[in-house]
Every structure is written in structure tokens, then in C-alpha cells.
C-alpha atoms as a PDB file:
ATOM      1  CA  UNK A   1     227.709 -98.084 177.550  1.00  0.00           C
ATOM      2  CA  UNK A   2     224.809 -97.080 179.780  1.00  0.00           C
ATOM      3  CA  UNK A   3     221.262 -98.177 179.103  1.00  0.00           C
ATOM      4  CA  UNK A   4     220.381 -95.317 176.763  1.00  0.00           C
ATOM      5  CA  UNK A   5     216.768 -95.066 175.723  1.00  0.00           C
ATOM      6  CA  UNK A   6     215.197 -93.099 172.898  1.00  0.00           C
ATOM      7  CA  UNK A   7     214.218 -89.590 173.955  1.00  0.00           C
ATOM      8  CA  UNK A   8     210.537 -90.461 173.709  1.00  0.00           C
ATOM      9  CA  UNK A   9     210.993 -93.347 176.158  1.00  0.00           C
ATOM     10  CA  UNK A  10     212.912 -91.419 178.792  1.00  0.00           C
ATOM     11  CA  UNK A  11     211.209 -91.284 182.154  1.00  0.00           C
ATOM     12  CA  UNK A  12     213.663 -89.047 184.021  1.00  0.00           C
ATOM     13  CA  UNK A  13     213.990 -85.280 183.938  1.00  0.00           C
ATOM     14  CA  UNK A  14     215.283 -83.814 180.706  1.00  0.00           C
ATOM     15  CA  UNK A  15     215.153 -80.225 179.494  1.00  0.00           C
ATOM     16  CA  UNK A  16     212.716 -79.568 176.640  1.00  0.00           C
ATOM     17  CA  UNK A  17     215.527 -78.281 174.444  1.00  0.00           C
ATOM     18  CA  UNK A  18     217.652 -81.370 175.094  1.00  0.00           C
ATOM     19  CA  UNK A  19     214.711 -83.656 174.419  1.00  0.00           C
ATOM     20  CA  UNK A  20     213.929 -81.852 171.156  1.00  0.00           C
ATOM     21  CA  UNK A  21     217.574 -82.106 170.048  1.00  0.00           C
ATOM     22  CA  UNK A  22     217.670 -85.810 170.868  1.00  0.00           C
ATOM     23  CA  UNK A  23     214.420 -86.496 169.032  1.00  0.00           C
ATOM     24  CA  UNK A  24     215.687 -84.603 165.991  1.00  0.00           C
ATOM     25  CA  UNK A  25     218.956 -86.558 165.924  1.00  0.00           C
ATOM     26  CA  UNK A  26     217.157 -89.856 166.484  1.00  0.00           C
ATOM     27  CA  UNK A  27     214.811 -89.015 163.621  1.00  0.00           C
ATOM     28  CA  UNK A  28     217.775 -88.346 161.334  1.00  0.00           C
ATOM     29  CA  UNK A  29     219.342 -91.667 162.294  1.00  0.00           C
ATOM     30  CA  UNK A  30     216.067 -93.507 161.795  1.00  0.00           C
ATOM     31  CA  UNK A  31     215.998 -92.340 158.214  1.00  0.00           C
ATOM     32  CA  UNK A  32     213.063 -91.555 156.006  1.00  0.00           C
ATOM     33  CA  UNK A  33     212.919 -94.774 154.046  1.00  0.00           C
ATOM     34  CA  UNK A  34     209.871 -96.762 155.145  1.00  0.00           C
ATOM     35  CA  UNK A  35     210.142-100.444 155.863  1.00  0.00           C
ATOM     36  CA  UNK A  36     209.241-102.662 152.944  1.00  0.00           C
ATOM     37  CA  UNK A  37     206.068-104.685 153.332  1.00  0.00           C
ATOM     38  CA  UNK A  38     207.609-107.298 151.031  1.00  0.00           C
ATOM     39  CA  UNK A  39     209.469-109.895 153.068  1.00  0.00           C
ATOM     40  CA  UNK A  40     213.067-110.782 152.217  1.00  0.00           C
ATOM     41  CA  UNK A  41     213.384-113.634 149.714  1.00  0.00           C
ATOM     42  CA  UNK A  42     215.695-115.566 152.066  1.00  0.00           C
ATOM     43  CA  UNK A  43     212.856-116.335 154.489  1.00  0.00           C
ATOM     44  CA  UNK A  44     210.857-119.523 154.118  1.00  0.00           C
ATOM     45  CA  UNK A  45     207.107-119.245 153.416  1.00  0.00           C
ATOM     46  CA  UNK A  46     206.141-119.229 157.072  1.00  0.00           C
ATOM     47  CA  UNK A  47     208.848-116.659 157.854  1.00  0.00           C
ATOM     48  CA  UNK A  48     207.545-114.426 155.058  1.00  0.00           C
ATOM     49  CA  UNK A  49     204.021-114.594 156.479  1.00  0.00           C
ATOM     50  CA  UNK A  50     205.319-113.794 159.962  1.00  0.00           C
ATOM     51  CA  UNK A  51     207.354-110.859 158.599  1.00  0.00           C
ATOM     52  CA  UNK A  52     204.209-109.340 157.084  1.00  0.00           C
ATOM     53  CA  UNK A  53     202.196-110.060 160.249  1.00  0.00           C
ATOM     54  CA  UNK A  54     204.761-108.367 162.502  1.00  0.00           C
ATOM     55  CA  UNK A  55     204.860-105.247 160.349  1.00  0.00           C
ATOM     56  CA  UNK A  56     201.069-105.048 160.276  1.00  0.00           C
ATOM     57  CA  UNK A  57     200.856-105.363 164.073  1.00  0.00           C
ATOM     58  CA  UNK A  58     203.064-102.338 164.726  1.00  0.00           C
ATOM     59  CA  UNK A  59     201.838 -98.748 164.330  1.00  0.00           C
ATOM     60  CA  UNK A  60     202.513 -96.901 161.071  1.00  0.00           C
ATOM     61  CA  UNK A  61     205.729 -94.917 161.208  1.00  0.00           C
ATOM     62  CA  UNK A  62     207.090 -96.992 164.082  1.00  0.00           C
ATOM     63  CA  UNK A  63     209.515 -98.871 161.844  1.00  0.00           C
ATOM     64  CA  UNK A  64     211.900 -97.646 159.192  1.00  0.00           C
ATOM     65  CA  UNK A  65     213.892 -99.379 156.486  1.00  0.00           C
ATOM     66  CA  UNK A  66     216.721 -99.832 158.972  1.00  0.00           C
ATOM     67  CA  UNK A  67     214.490-102.176 160.994  1.00  0.00           C
ATOM     68  CA  UNK A  68     214.127-104.652 158.118  1.00  0.00           C
ATOM     69  CA  UNK A  69     216.937-106.860 159.382  1.00  0.00           C
ATOM     70  CA  UNK A  70     215.603-107.016 162.924  1.00  0.00           C
ATOM     71  CA  UNK A  71     212.120-107.927 161.667  1.00  0.00           C
ATOM     72  CA  UNK A  72     213.700-110.578 159.451  1.00  0.00           C
ATOM     73  CA  UNK A  73     215.555-112.099 162.416  1.00  0.00           C
ATOM     74  CA  UNK A  74     212.420-112.079 164.560  1.00  0.00           C
ATOM     75  CA  UNK A  75     210.329-113.671 161.790  1.00  0.00           C
ATOM     76  CA  UNK A  76     212.964-116.322 161.099  1.00  0.00           C
ATOM     77  CA  UNK A  77     213.322-117.218 164.767  1.00  0.00           C
ATOM     78  CA  UNK A  78     209.539-117.550 165.138  1.00  0.00           C
ATOM     79  CA  UNK A  79     209.407-119.723 162.027  1.00  0.00           C
ATOM     80  CA  UNK A  80     212.121-122.012 163.380  1.00  0.00           C
ATOM     81  CA  UNK A  81     210.408-122.186 166.772  1.00  0.00           C
ATOM     82  CA  UNK A  82     207.177-123.249 165.066  1.00  0.00           C
ATOM     83  CA  UNK A  83     209.047-125.946 163.108  1.00  0.00           C
ATOM     84  CA  UNK A  84     210.510-127.221 166.380  1.00  0.00           C
ATOM     85  CA  UNK A  85     207.033-127.278 167.931  1.00  0.00           C
ATOM     86  CA  UNK A  86     205.726-129.422 165.065  1.00  0.00           C
ATOM     87  CA  UNK A  87     208.616-131.848 165.487  1.00  0.00           C
ATOM     88  CA  UNK A  88     208.144-131.989 169.259  1.00  0.00           C
ATOM     89  CA  UNK A  89     204.425-132.623 168.889  1.00  0.00           C
ATOM     90  CA  UNK A  90     204.996-135.487 166.479  1.00  0.00           C
ATOM     91  CA  UNK A  91     208.121-137.091 168.004  1.00  0.00           C
ATOM     92  CA  UNK A  92     207.983-136.053 171.664  1.00  0.00           C
ATOM     93  CA  UNK A  93     210.471-134.405 173.985  1.00  0.00           C
ATOM     94  CA  UNK A  94     212.799-137.396 174.206  1.00  0.00           C
ATOM     95  CA  UNK A  95     214.408-139.803 171.743  1.00  0.00           C
ATOM     96  CA  UNK A  96     213.918-143.563 171.950  1.00  0.00           C
ATOM     97  CA  UNK A  97     217.237-143.746 173.800  1.00  0.00           C
ATOM     98  CA  UNK A  98     215.909-141.368 176.492  1.00  0.00           C
ATOM     99  CA  UNK A  99     217.895-138.308 175.442  1.00  0.00           C
ATOM    100  CA  UNK A 100     216.401-134.865 175.046  1.00  0.00           C
ATOM    101  CA  UNK A 101     215.307-134.200 171.470  1.00  0.00           C
ATOM    102  CA  UNK A 102     217.443-131.844 169.406  1.00  0.00           C
ATOM    103  CA  UNK A 103     214.232-129.907 168.701  1.00  0.00           C
ATOM    104  CA  UNK A 104     214.106-128.881 172.373  1.00  0.00           C
ATOM    105  CA  UNK A 105     217.605-127.426 172.185  1.00  0.00           C
ATOM    106  CA  UNK A 106     216.882-125.689 168.885  1.00  0.00           C
ATOM    107  CA  UNK A 107     213.637-124.253 170.249  1.00  0.00           C
ATOM    108  CA  UNK A 108     215.509-122.870 173.233  1.00  0.00           C
ATOM    109  CA  UNK A 109     218.163-121.249 171.004  1.00  0.00           C
ATOM    110  CA  UNK A 110     215.628-119.605 168.737  1.00  0.00           C
ATOM    111  CA  UNK A 111     213.473-118.439 171.643  1.00  0.00           C
ATOM    112  CA  UNK A 112     216.514-116.596 173.037  1.00  0.00           C
ATOM    113  CA  UNK A 113     217.108-114.985 169.647  1.00  0.00           C
ATOM    114  CA  UNK A 114     213.443-114.023 169.446  1.00  0.00           C
ATOM    115  CA  UNK A 115     213.458-112.572 172.952  1.00  0.00           C
ATOM    116  CA  UNK A 116     216.594-110.527 172.327  1.00  0.00           C
ATOM    117  CA  UNK A 117     215.516-109.017 169.020  1.00  0.00           C
ATOM    118  CA  UNK A 118     211.801-108.591 169.733  1.00  0.00           C
ATOM    119  CA  UNK A 119     212.676-106.503 172.783  1.00  0.00           C
ATOM    120  CA  UNK A 120     214.631-104.188 170.479  1.00  0.00           C
ATOM    121  CA  UNK A 121     211.386-103.510 168.636  1.00  0.00           C
ATOM    122  CA  UNK A 122     209.264-102.965 171.732  1.00  0.00           C
ATOM    123  CA  UNK A 123     207.283-106.166 171.253  1.00  0.00           C
ATOM    124  CA  UNK A 124     207.292-107.246 174.888  1.00  0.00           C
ATOM    125  CA  UNK A 125     204.392-106.265 177.157  1.00  0.00           C
ATOM    126  CA  UNK A 126     206.781-104.214 179.304  1.00  0.00           C
ATOM    127  CA  UNK A 127     208.009-102.222 176.293  1.00  0.00           C
ATOM    128  CA  UNK A 128     204.450-101.636 175.070  1.00  0.00           C
ATOM    129  CA  UNK A 129     203.388-100.486 178.530  1.00  0.00           C
ATOM    130  CA  UNK A 130     206.237 -97.951 178.601  1.00  0.00           C
ATOM    131  CA  UNK A 131     205.192 -96.646 175.183  1.00  0.00           C
ATOM    132  CA  UNK A 132     201.561 -96.420 176.287  1.00  0.00           C
ATOM    133  CA  UNK A 133     202.457 -94.370 179.370  1.00  0.00           C
ATOM    134  CA  UNK A 134     204.490 -91.986 177.235  1.00  0.00           C
ATOM    135  CA  UNK A 135     201.643 -91.586 174.752  1.00  0.00           C
ATOM    136  CA  UNK A 136     199.186 -90.850 177.561  1.00  0.00           C
ATOM    137  CA  UNK A 137     201.542 -88.295 179.109  1.00  0.00           C
ATOM    138  CA  UNK A 138     202.029 -86.603 175.731  1.00  0.00           C
ATOM    139  CA  UNK A 139     198.258 -86.362 175.243  1.00  0.00           C
ATOM    140  CA  UNK A 140     197.791 -84.903 178.714  1.00  0.00           C
ATOM    141  CA  UNK A 141     200.475 -82.294 178.013  1.00  0.00           C
ATOM    142  CA  UNK A 142     198.728 -81.303 174.772  1.00  0.00           C
ATOM    143  CA  UNK A 143     195.409 -80.803 176.560  1.00  0.00           C
ATOM    144  CA  UNK A 144     196.756 -79.040 179.649  1.00  0.00           C
ATOM    145  CA  UNK A 145     195.440 -75.433 179.602  1.00  0.00           C
ATOM    146  CA  UNK A 146     198.144 -74.230 181.992  1.00  0.00           C
ATOM    147  CA  UNK A 147     200.899 -75.511 179.703  1.00  0.00           C
ATOM    148  CA  UNK A 148     199.197 -73.808 176.753  1.00  0.00           C
ATOM    149  CA  UNK A 149     199.278 -70.475 178.586  1.00  0.00           C
ATOM    150  CA  UNK A 150     202.934 -70.969 179.506  1.00  0.00           C
ATOM    151  CA  UNK A 151     203.872 -71.736 175.904  1.00  0.00           C
ATOM    152  CA  UNK A 152     202.497 -68.383 174.768  1.00  0.00           C
END
């Protein structure tokens, strides 16, 4: 499947009617159930704190109930990465036998999970920059007097 982006994130040409249809359908799929601010019970204490922190960092209305599982995965991976950091700081990168610590391998695994799922939420600087450009363009379109005349 092609790299399909949400209608709001599209940068190419798209007819206004097509964009409106896409946004409507995407809104229906997103659902109207807001994401719960209560973290899932399965997370450890640090994961629960991270879950709440992630939700509070993102704009209101950005997430829906369907995003709960992605936030949970991101919070859990960050929690595991932090646990690996603690172990690495106390025991070092290598074992007494000279082998790489298992914490290094675990950190690498969880950082890949974090990277994959955080990008789905737009948490990377690149994703945020794309959203910012779209917001600026939308504001400029609202305030453009020529577009206002054409809409009438």
C-alpha cells in the first residue's frame, strides 16, 4: 500500500471536495470516544506516569480512544528503556566476561518499538514540523481576503 497520509497532512494538490470527503471519513474512523486519561492497569508505575505525560503533551482532540493502545505501547517502551538505562548506569555496558550487557540489547529493541509507534502519533520533530506547516497554511487561508471573496 502506498504511503497514505491523513487528508490534513497532505502536501500535494487535492480538490476541496475530495479533501472534505476524506476528512469526514477519517473523522468517522477516528471515532468520538475521547482517550482515557487513566492509564491501563497493565503498565508499571513509571509506564502509567509516562502514559499520562504523553497524553498531556499532545493537543486536545488530537487523540481518540482508538489511540489508547499506541500510547500504551509508547509508554511501556519508554519505561523499559529507562529501566535499561538504570541497569547500564549501575553495571556498565559490558559484563565481567567482556560481553555486551543484555540491557544494551533490550534498550535497542525497545528504542525501535518506541520509534515505530511514536512516529504513528506524530511525536517526532519531523511529524510536528509537518503539522505546524499545515496549521500555518490553514490560518493563512482563513485570513486571506481574496479567498473570502471567492467563497461568496
